[in-house]
Amino acid sequence: MGKKIAVLVTDRQGEALRMSVGLILLDDTVDVYVMDRKMEETEKNLLNFETMKDMGMNVYTNSKENPDMEYLSTDEIAEKLPEYDHVLPY
């Protein structure tokens, strides 16, 4: 059985999104949380985001500047984190 992993995307958005997509190759469940700001709309970020959607990954945000992601308040995110085997802040 695979692990349940949360990736908290903070400062290094491009690297965090790329790594999140790579983690699903191990058959782990990976949820992504874009924290505190709008996702930078670079070509690589948009490609990784589209890949996440195509692969059925959950992508959450606490910033209303990300309308294509499911909004959760910071408190709601904090309540979800204990259910993960690993939480990776990036």
PDB file of N, CA and C in Angstrom:
ATOM      1  N   MET A   1       0.842  -1.187   0.000  1.00  0.00           N
ATOM      2  CA  MET A   1       0.000   0.000   0.000  1.00  0.00           C
ATOM      3  C   MET A   1       0.881   1.242   0.000  1.00  0.00           C
ATOM      4  N   GLY A   2       0.533   2.227  -0.824  1.00  0.00           N
ATOM      5  CA  GLY A   2       1.320   3.444  -0.932  1.00  0.00           C
ATOM      6  C   GLY A   2       1.123   4.371   0.247  1.00  0.00           C
ATOM      7  N   LYS A   3       2.011   5.312   0.324  1.00  0.00           N
ATOM      8  CA  LYS A   3       1.957   6.330   1.366  1.00  0.00           C
ATOM      9  C   LYS A   3       1.043   7.475   0.933  1.00  0.00           C
ATOM     10  N   LYS A   4       0.612   8.250   1.907  1.00  0.00           N
ATOM     11  CA  LYS A   4      -0.173   9.455   1.654  1.00  0.00           C
ATOM     12  C   LYS A   4       0.740  10.644   1.950  1.00  0.00           C
ATOM     13  N   ILE A   5       0.972  11.467   0.934  1.00  0.00           N
ATOM     14  CA  ILE A   5       1.950  12.547   1.020  1.00  0.00           C
ATOM     15  C   ILE A   5       1.285  13.890   0.728  1.00  0.00           C
ATOM     16  N   ALA A   6       1.606  14.895   1.545  1.00  0.00           N
ATOM     17  CA  ALA A   6       1.178  16.269   1.293  1.00  0.00           C
ATOM     18  C   ALA A   6       2.406  17.089   0.939  1.00  0.00           C
ATOM     19  N   VAL A   7       2.309  17.859  -0.136  1.00  0.00           N
ATOM     20  CA  VAL A   7       3.385  18.769  -0.524  1.00  0.00           C
ATOM     21  C   VAL A   7       2.864  20.184  -0.330  1.00  0.00           C
ATOM     22  N   LEU A   8       3.545  20.939   0.542  1.00  0.00           N
ATOM     23  CA  LEU A   8       3.186  22.337   0.791  1.00  0.00           C
ATOM     24  C   LEU A   8       4.054  23.213  -0.098  1.00  0.00           C
ATOM     25  N   VAL A   9       3.455  23.832  -1.086  1.00  0.00           N
ATOM     26  CA  VAL A   9       4.173  24.644  -2.060  1.00  0.00           C
ATOM     27  C   VAL A   9       4.256  26.069  -1.522  1.00  0.00           C
ATOM     28  N   THR A  10       5.484  26.498  -1.227  1.00  0.00           N
ATOM     29  CA  THR A  10       5.664  27.849  -0.687  1.00  0.00           C
ATOM     30  C   THR A  10       6.599  28.656  -1.595  1.00  0.00           C
ATOM     31  N   ASP A  11       7.868  28.702  -1.273  1.00  0.00           N
ATOM     32  CA  ASP A  11       8.810  29.581  -1.971  1.00  0.00           C
ATOM     33  C   ASP A  11       9.250  29.068  -3.341  1.00  0.00           C
ATOM     34  N   ARG A  12       9.550  27.791  -3.443  1.00  0.00           N
ATOM     35  CA  ARG A  12      10.086  27.236  -4.692  1.00  0.00           C
ATOM     36  C   ARG A  12       8.975  26.504  -5.445  1.00  0.00           C
ATOM     37  N   GLN A  13       8.073  27.277  -6.002  1.00  0.00           N
ATOM     38  CA  GLN A  13       6.886  26.700  -6.620  1.00  0.00           C
ATOM     39  C   GLN A  13       7.211  25.733  -7.757  1.00  0.00           C
ATOM     40  N   GLY A  14       8.065  26.135  -8.653  1.00  0.00           N
ATOM     41  CA  GLY A  14       8.379  25.297  -9.802  1.00  0.00           C
ATOM     42  C   GLY A  14       8.931  23.945  -9.397  1.00  0.00           C
ATOM     43  N   GLU A  15       9.876  23.943  -8.495  1.00  0.00           N
ATOM     44  CA  GLU A  15      10.487  22.695  -8.031  1.00  0.00           C
ATOM     45  C   GLU A  15       9.470  21.842  -7.269  1.00  0.00           C
ATOM     46  N   ALA A  16       8.649  22.463  -6.448  1.00  0.00           N
ATOM     47  CA  ALA A  16       7.657  21.725  -5.658  1.00  0.00           C
ATOM     48  C   ALA A  16       6.612  21.069  -6.556  1.00  0.00           C
ATOM     49  N   LEU A  17       6.151  21.776  -7.573  1.00  0.00           N
ATOM     50  CA  LEU A  17       5.156  21.208  -8.475  1.00  0.00           C
ATOM     51  C   LEU A  17       5.746  20.065  -9.294  1.00  0.00           C
ATOM     52  N   ARG A  18       6.972  20.234  -9.774  1.00  0.00           N
ATOM     53  CA  ARG A  18       7.647  19.188 -10.539  1.00  0.00           C
ATOM     54  C   ARG A  18       7.826  17.937  -9.688  1.00  0.00           C
ATOM     55  N   MET A  19       8.293  18.131  -8.455  1.00  0.00           N
ATOM     56  CA  MET A  19       8.512  17.007  -7.552  1.00  0.00           C
ATOM     57  C   MET A  19       7.190  16.305  -7.225  1.00  0.00           C
ATOM     58  N   SER A  20       6.126  17.065  -7.064  1.00  0.00           N
ATOM     59  CA  SER A  20       4.816  16.483  -6.740  1.00  0.00           C
ATOM     60  C   SER A  20       4.350  15.532  -7.832  1.00  0.00           C
ATOM     61  N   VAL A  21       4.536  15.941  -9.077  1.00  0.00           N
ATOM     62  CA  VAL A  21       4.155  15.071 -10.193  1.00  0.00           C
ATOM     63  C   VAL A  21       5.030  13.815 -10.192  1.00  0.00           C
ATOM     64  N   GLY A  22       6.309  13.963  -9.922  1.00  0.00           N
ATOM     65  CA  GLY A  22       7.213  12.814  -9.891  1.00  0.00           C
ATOM     66  C   GLY A  22       6.870  11.818  -8.802  1.00  0.00           C
ATOM     67  N   LEU A  23       6.367  12.279  -7.695  1.00  0.00           N
ATOM     68  CA  LEU A  23       6.050  11.384  -6.577  1.00  0.00           C
ATOM     69  C   LEU A  23       4.930  10.394  -6.891  1.00  0.00           C
ATOM     70  N   ILE A  24       4.050  10.731  -7.805  1.00  0.00           N
ATOM     71  CA  ILE A  24       2.948   9.809  -8.097  1.00  0.00           C
ATOM     72  C   ILE A  24       3.426   8.578  -8.849  1.00  0.00           C
ATOM     73  N   LEU A  25       4.637   8.600  -9.384  1.00  0.00           N
ATOM     74  CA  LEU A  25       5.171   7.436 -10.094  1.00  0.00           C
ATOM     75  C   LEU A  25       5.370   6.252  -9.163  1.00  0.00           C
ATOM     76  N   LEU A  26       5.429   6.487  -7.867  1.00  0.00           N
ATOM     77  CA  LEU A  26       5.626   5.422  -6.887  1.00  0.00           C
ATOM     78  C   LEU A  26       4.302   4.884  -6.359  1.00  0.00           C
ATOM     79  N   ASP A  27       3.205   5.238  -6.986  1.00  0.00           N
ATOM     80  CA  ASP A  27       1.868   4.819  -6.574  1.00  0.00           C
ATOM     81  C   ASP A  27       1.477   5.319  -5.191  1.00  0.00           C
ATOM     82  N   ASP A  28       2.085   6.420  -4.764  1.00  0.00           N
ATOM     83  CA  ASP A  28       1.674   7.068  -3.525  1.00  0.00           C
ATOM     84  C   ASP A  28       0.551   8.058  -3.858  1.00  0.00           C
ATOM     85  N   THR A  29      -0.261   8.369  -2.860  1.00  0.00           N
ATOM     86  CA  THR A  29      -1.275   9.410  -3.004  1.00  0.00           C
ATOM     87  C   THR A  29      -0.617  10.732  -2.632  1.00  0.00           C
ATOM     88  N   VAL A  30      -0.645  11.682  -3.557  1.00  0.00           N
ATOM     89  CA  VAL A  30       0.015  12.967  -3.337  1.00  0.00           C
ATOM     90  C   VAL A  30      -1.022  14.075  -3.475  1.00  0.00           C
ATOM     91  N   ASP A  31      -1.174  14.873  -2.416  1.00  0.00           N
ATOM     92  CA  ASP A  31      -2.011  16.061  -2.442  1.00  0.00           C
ATOM     93  C   ASP A  31      -1.105  17.275  -2.365  1.00  0.00           C
ATOM     94  N   VAL A  32      -1.449  18.303  -3.130  1.00  0.00           N
ATOM     95  CA  VAL A  32      -0.618  19.499  -3.226  1.00  0.00           C
ATOM     96  C   VAL A  32      -1.382  20.687  -2.640  1.00  0.00           C
ATOM     97  N   TYR A  33      -0.663  21.481  -1.846  1.00  0.00           N
ATOM     98  CA  TYR A  33      -1.233  22.672  -1.219  1.00  0.00           C
ATOM     99  C   TYR A  33      -0.392  23.886  -1.633  1.00  0.00           C
ATOM    100  N   VAL A  34      -0.952  24.744  -2.477  1.00  0.00           N
ATOM    101  CA  VAL A  34      -0.269  25.972  -2.884  1.00  0.00           C
ATOM    102  C   VAL A  34      -0.600  27.018  -1.833  1.00  0.00           C
ATOM    103  N   MET A  35       0.430  27.424  -1.087  1.00  0.00           N
ATOM    104  CA  MET A  35       0.219  28.224   0.113  1.00  0.00           C
ATOM    105  C   MET A  35       0.520  29.716  -0.091  1.00  0.00           C
ATOM    106  N   ASP A  36      -0.380  30.527   0.419  1.00  0.00           N
ATOM    107  CA  ASP A  36      -0.175  31.949   0.700  1.00  0.00           C
ATOM    108  C   ASP A  36      -0.006  32.890  -0.484  1.00  0.00           C
ATOM    109  N   ARG A  37      -0.021  32.376  -1.703  1.00  0.00           N
ATOM    110  CA  ARG A  37       0.107  33.287  -2.846  1.00  0.00           C
ATOM    111  C   ARG A  37      -0.353  32.593  -4.121  1.00  0.00           C
ATOM    112  N   LYS A  38      -0.468  33.398  -5.156  1.00  0.00           N
ATOM    113  CA  LYS A  38      -0.888  32.895  -6.460  1.00  0.00           C
ATOM    114  C   LYS A  38       0.216  32.024  -7.050  1.00  0.00           C
ATOM    115  N   MET A  39      -0.192  30.965  -7.722  1.00  0.00           N
ATOM    116  CA  MET A  39       0.779  30.135  -8.419  1.00  0.00           C
ATOM    117  C   MET A  39       1.343  30.941  -9.586  1.00  0.00           C
ATOM    118  N   GLU A  40       2.644  30.959  -9.709  1.00  0.00           N
ATOM    119  CA  GLU A  40       3.289  31.664 -10.812  1.00  0.00           C
ATOM    120  C   GLU A  40       2.904  30.976 -12.111  1.00  0.00           C
ATOM    121  N   GLU A  41       2.491  31.749 -13.097  1.00  0.00           N
ATOM    122  CA  GLU A  41       1.999  31.181 -14.346  1.00  0.00           C
ATOM    123  C   GLU A  41       3.125  31.024 -15.363  1.00  0.00           C
ATOM    124  N   THR A  42       4.135  30.247 -14.999  1.00  0.00           N
ATOM    125  CA  THR A  42       5.200  29.929 -15.942  1.00  0.00           C
ATOM    126  C   THR A  42       4.766  28.734 -16.782  1.00  0.00           C
ATOM    127  N   GLU A  43       5.435  28.530 -17.894  1.00  0.00           N
ATOM    128  CA  GLU A  43       5.099  27.400 -18.769  1.00  0.00           C
ATOM    129  C   GLU A  43       5.224  26.071 -18.026  1.00  0.00           C
ATOM    130  N   LYS A  44       6.291  25.895 -17.259  1.00  0.00           N
ATOM    131  CA  LYS A  44       6.502  24.645 -16.523  1.00  0.00           C
ATOM    132  C   LYS A  44       5.452  24.452 -15.433  1.00  0.00           C
ATOM    133  N   ASN A  45       5.140  25.510 -14.695  1.00  0.00           N
ATOM    134  CA  ASN A  45       4.122  25.394 -13.642  1.00  0.00           C
ATOM    135  C   ASN A  45       2.767  25.021 -14.230  1.00  0.00           C
ATOM    136  N   LEU A  46       2.394  25.657 -15.319  1.00  0.00           N
ATOM    137  CA  LEU A  46       1.103  25.362 -15.941  1.00  0.00           C
ATOM    138  C   LEU A  46       1.065  23.929 -16.472  1.00  0.00           C
ATOM    139  N   LEU A  47       2.167  23.459 -17.057  1.00  0.00           N
ATOM    140  CA  LEU A  47       2.238  22.080 -17.537  1.00  0.00           C
ATOM    141  C   LEU A  47       2.105  21.096 -16.377  1.00  0.00           C
ATOM    142  N   ASN A  48       2.830  21.355 -15.283  1.00  0.00           N
ATOM    143  CA  ASN A  48       2.741  20.471 -14.114  1.00  0.00           C
ATOM    144  C   ASN A  48       1.344  20.497 -13.501  1.00  0.00           C
ATOM    145  N   PHE A  49       0.726  21.666 -13.448  1.00  0.00           N
ATOM    146  CA  PHE A  49      -0.624  21.774 -12.903  1.00  0.00           C
ATOM    147  C   PHE A  49      -1.618  20.991 -13.764  1.00  0.00           C
ATOM    148  N   GLU A  50      -1.505  21.106 -15.077  1.00  0.00           N
ATOM    149  CA  GLU A  50      -2.380  20.350 -15.981  1.00  0.00           C
ATOM    150  C   GLU A  50      -2.164  18.848 -15.814  1.00  0.00           C
ATOM    151  N   THR A  51      -0.913  18.439 -15.654  1.00  0.00           N
ATOM    152  CA  THR A  51      -0.610  17.026 -15.437  1.00  0.00           C
ATOM    153  C   THR A  51      -1.255  16.538 -14.148  1.00  0.00           C
ATOM    154  N   MET A  52      -1.177  17.342 -13.090  1.00  0.00           N
ATOM    155  CA  MET A  52      -1.805  16.978 -11.813  1.00  0.00           C
ATOM    156  C   MET A  52      -3.308  16.775 -11.990  1.00  0.00           C
ATOM    157  N   LYS A  53      -3.946  17.685 -12.703  1.00  0.00           N
ATOM    158  CA  LYS A  53      -5.384  17.557 -12.929  1.00  0.00           C
ATOM    159  C   LYS A  53      -5.687  16.298 -13.744  1.00  0.00           C
ATOM    160  N   ASP A  54      -4.886  16.045 -14.782  1.00  0.00           N
ATOM    161  CA  ASP A  54      -5.090  14.860 -15.624  1.00  0.00           C
ATOM    162  C   ASP A  54      -4.909  13.566 -14.836  1.00  0.00           C
ATOM    163  N   MET A  55      -4.027  13.568 -13.853  1.00  0.00           N
ATOM    164  CA  MET A  55      -3.746  12.376 -13.056  1.00  0.00           C
ATOM    165  C   MET A  55      -4.683  12.252 -11.852  1.00  0.00           C
ATOM    166  N   GLY A  56      -5.603  13.199 -11.710  1.00  0.00           N
ATOM    167  CA  GLY A  56      -6.578  13.133 -10.622  1.00  0.00           C
ATOM    168  C   GLY A  56      -6.024  13.515  -9.260  1.00  0.00           C
ATOM    169  N   MET A  57      -4.925  14.253  -9.249  1.00  0.00           N
ATOM    170  CA  MET A  57      -4.355  14.705  -7.979  1.00  0.00           C
ATOM    171  C   MET A  57      -5.217  15.818  -7.400  1.00  0.00           C
ATOM    172  N   ASN A  58      -5.256  15.898  -6.071  1.00  0.00           N
ATOM    173  CA  ASN A  58      -5.942  16.991  -5.395  1.00  0.00           C
ATOM    174  C   ASN A  58      -4.985  18.152  -5.239  1.00  0.00           C
ATOM    175  N   VAL A  59      -5.421  19.333  -5.668  1.00  0.00           N
ATOM    176  CA  VAL A  59      -4.617  20.545  -5.523  1.00  0.00           C
ATOM    177  C   VAL A  59      -5.464  21.561  -4.770  1.00  0.00           C
ATOM    178  N   TYR A  60      -4.963  21.973  -3.619  1.00  0.00           N
ATOM    179  CA  TYR A  60      -5.671  22.906  -2.737  1.00  0.00           C
ATOM    180  C   TYR A  60      -4.868  24.201  -2.619  1.00  0.00           C
ATOM    181  N   THR A  61      -5.517  25.248  -2.177  1.00  0.00           N
ATOM    182  CA  THR A  61      -4.836  26.511  -1.940  1.00  0.00           C
ATOM    183  C   THR A  61      -5.538  27.267  -0.817  1.00  0.00           C
ATOM    184  N   ASN A  62      -4.778  28.106  -0.136  1.00  0.00           N
ATOM    185  CA  ASN A  62      -5.377  29.005   0.846  1.00  0.00           C
ATOM    186  C   ASN A  62      -5.379  30.445   0.322  1.00  0.00           C
ATOM    187  N   SER A  63      -5.142  30.583  -0.981  1.00  0.00           N
ATOM    188  CA  SER A  63      -5.147  31.895  -1.624  1.00  0.00           C
ATOM    189  C   SER A  63      -6.274  31.952  -2.645  1.00  0.00           C
ATOM    190  N   LYS A  64      -7.131  32.914  -2.505  1.00  0.00           N
ATOM    191  CA  LYS A  64      -8.251  33.042  -3.438  1.00  0.00           C
ATOM    192  C   LYS A  64      -7.791  33.531  -4.809  1.00  0.00           C
ATOM    193  N   GLU A  65      -6.502  33.799  -4.950  1.00  0.00           N
ATOM    194  CA  GLU A  65      -5.940  34.189  -6.246  1.00  0.00           C
ATOM    195  C   GLU A  65      -5.755  32.988  -7.172  1.00  0.00           C
ATOM    196  N   ASN A  66      -6.037  31.783  -6.686  1.00  0.00           N
ATOM    197  CA  ASN A  66      -5.896  30.549  -7.469  1.00  0.00           C
ATOM    198  C   ASN A  66      -7.281  29.937  -7.715  1.00  0.00           C
ATOM    199  N   PRO A  67      -8.061  30.500  -8.641  1.00  0.00           N
ATOM    200  CA  PRO A  67      -9.451  30.063  -8.814  1.00  0.00           C
ATOM    201  C   PRO A  67      -9.597  28.637  -9.351  1.00  0.00           C
ATOM    202  N   ASP A  68      -8.570  28.076  -9.972  1.00  0.00           N
ATOM    203  CA  ASP A  68      -8.658  26.723 -10.532  1.00  0.00           C
ATOM    204  C   ASP A  68      -8.344  25.639  -9.511  1.00  0.00           C
ATOM    205  N   MET A  69      -8.087  26.028  -8.272  1.00  0.00           N
ATOM    206  CA  MET A  69      -7.763  25.082  -7.201  1.00  0.00           C
ATOM    207  C   MET A  69      -8.848  25.139  -6.135  1.00  0.00           C
ATOM    208  N   GLU A  70      -8.985  24.046  -5.395  1.00  0.00           N
ATOM    209  CA  GLU A  70      -9.973  24.025  -4.314  1.00  0.00           C
ATOM    210  C   GLU A  70      -9.464  24.866  -3.148  1.00  0.00           C
ATOM    211  N   TYR A  71     -10.263  25.836  -2.736  1.00  0.00           N
ATOM    212  CA  TYR A  71      -9.878  26.723  -1.634  1.00  0.00           C
ATOM    213  C   TYR A  71     -10.156  26.064  -0.287  1.00  0.00           C
ATOM    214  N   LEU A  72      -9.149  26.109   0.584  1.00  0.00           N
ATOM    215  CA  LEU A  72      -9.288  25.726   1.992  1.00  0.00           C
ATOM    216  C   LEU A  72      -8.605  26.808   2.813  1.00  0.00           C
ATOM    217  N   SER A  73      -9.186  27.160   3.929  1.00  0.00           N
ATOM    218  CA  SER A  73      -8.525  28.131   4.804  1.00  0.00           C
ATOM    219  C   SER A  73      -7.267  27.492   5.396  1.00  0.00           C
ATOM    220  N   THR A  74      -6.393  28.314   5.917  1.00  0.00           N
ATOM    221  CA  THR A  74      -5.176  27.802   6.550  1.00  0.00           C
ATOM    222  C   THR A  74      -5.527  26.855   7.697  1.00  0.00           C
ATOM    223  N   ASP A  75      -6.560  27.178   8.462  1.00  0.00           N
ATOM    224  CA  ASP A  75      -6.986  26.299   9.555  1.00  0.00           C
ATOM    225  C   ASP A  75      -7.484  24.952   9.035  1.00  0.00           C
ATOM    226  N   GLU A  76      -8.217  24.970   7.935  1.00  0.00           N
ATOM    227  CA  GLU A  76      -8.706  23.717   7.352  1.00  0.00           C
ATOM    228  C   GLU A  76      -7.549  22.848   6.853  1.00  0.00           C
ATOM    229  N   ILE A  77      -6.552  23.489   6.272  1.00  0.00           N
ATOM    230  CA  ILE A  77      -5.367  22.754   5.819  1.00  0.00           C
ATOM    231  C   ILE A  77      -4.652  22.144   7.012  1.00  0.00           C
ATOM    232  N   ALA A  78      -4.482  22.917   8.067  1.00  0.00           N
ATOM    233  CA  ALA A  78      -3.808  22.422   9.273  1.00  0.00           C
ATOM    234  C   ALA A  78      -4.523  21.209   9.854  1.00  0.00           C
ATOM    235  N   GLU A  79      -5.838  21.195   9.786  1.00  0.00           N
ATOM    236  CA  GLU A  79      -6.608  20.057  10.295  1.00  0.00           C
ATOM    237  C   GLU A  79      -6.412  18.803   9.453  1.00  0.00           C
ATOM    238  N   LYS A  80      -6.140  18.956   8.154  1.00  0.00           N
ATOM    239  CA  LYS A  80      -5.963  17.813   7.259  1.00  0.00           C
ATOM    240  C   LYS A  80      -4.573  17.183   7.363  1.00  0.00           C
ATOM    241  N   LEU A  81      -3.563  17.953   7.723  1.00  0.00           N
ATOM    242  CA  LEU A  81      -2.179  17.473   7.664  1.00  0.00           C
ATOM    243  C   LEU A  81      -1.886  16.235   8.518  1.00  0.00           C
ATOM    244  N   PRO A  82      -2.478  16.064   9.685  1.00  0.00           N
ATOM    245  CA  PRO A  82      -2.169  14.861  10.468  1.00  0.00           C
ATOM    246  C   PRO A  82      -2.560  13.537   9.797  1.00  0.00           C
ATOM    247  N   GLU A  83      -3.400  13.570   8.787  1.00  0.00           N
ATOM    248  CA  GLU A  83      -3.801  12.331   8.126  1.00  0.00           C
ATOM    249  C   GLU A  83      -2.769  11.814   7.124  1.00  0.00           C
ATOM    250  N   TYR A  84      -1.693  12.568   6.900  1.00  0.00           N
ATOM    251  CA  TYR A  84      -0.659  12.185   5.935  1.00  0.00           C
ATOM    252  C   TYR A  84       0.477  11.423   6.610  1.00  0.00           C
ATOM    253  N   ASP A  85       1.086  10.518   5.830  1.00  0.00           N
ATOM    254  CA  ASP A  85       2.278   9.825   6.306  1.00  0.00           C
ATOM    255  C   ASP A  85       3.493  10.741   6.279  1.00  0.00           C
ATOM    256  N   HIS A  86       3.526  11.612   5.265  1.00  0.00           N
ATOM    257  CA  HIS A  86       4.639  12.560   5.102  1.00  0.00           C
ATOM    258  C   HIS A  86       4.090  13.916   4.675  1.00  0.00           C
ATOM    259  N   VAL A  87       4.649  14.984   5.235  1.00  0.00           N
ATOM    260  CA  VAL A  87       4.325  16.344   4.828  1.00  0.00           C
ATOM    261  C   VAL A  87       5.628  17.001   4.417  1.00  0.00           C
ATOM    262  N   LEU A  88       5.694  17.418   3.143  1.00  0.00           N
ATOM    263  CA  LEU A  88       6.918  17.978   2.588  1.00  0.00           C
ATOM    264  C   LEU A  88       6.737  19.461   2.307  1.00  0.00           C
ATOM    265  N   PRO A  89       7.326  20.324   3.147  1.00  0.00           N
ATOM    266  CA  PRO A  89       7.255  21.764   2.860  1.00  0.00           C
ATOM    267  C   PRO A  89       8.313  22.133   1.826  1.00  0.00           C
ATOM    268  N   TYR A  90       7.919  22.841   0.807  1.00  0.00           N
ATOM    269  CA  TYR A  90       8.843  23.216  -0.254  1.00  0.00           C
ATOM    270  C   TYR A  90       8.769  24.698  -0.458  1.00  0.00           C
TER     271      TYR A  90
END
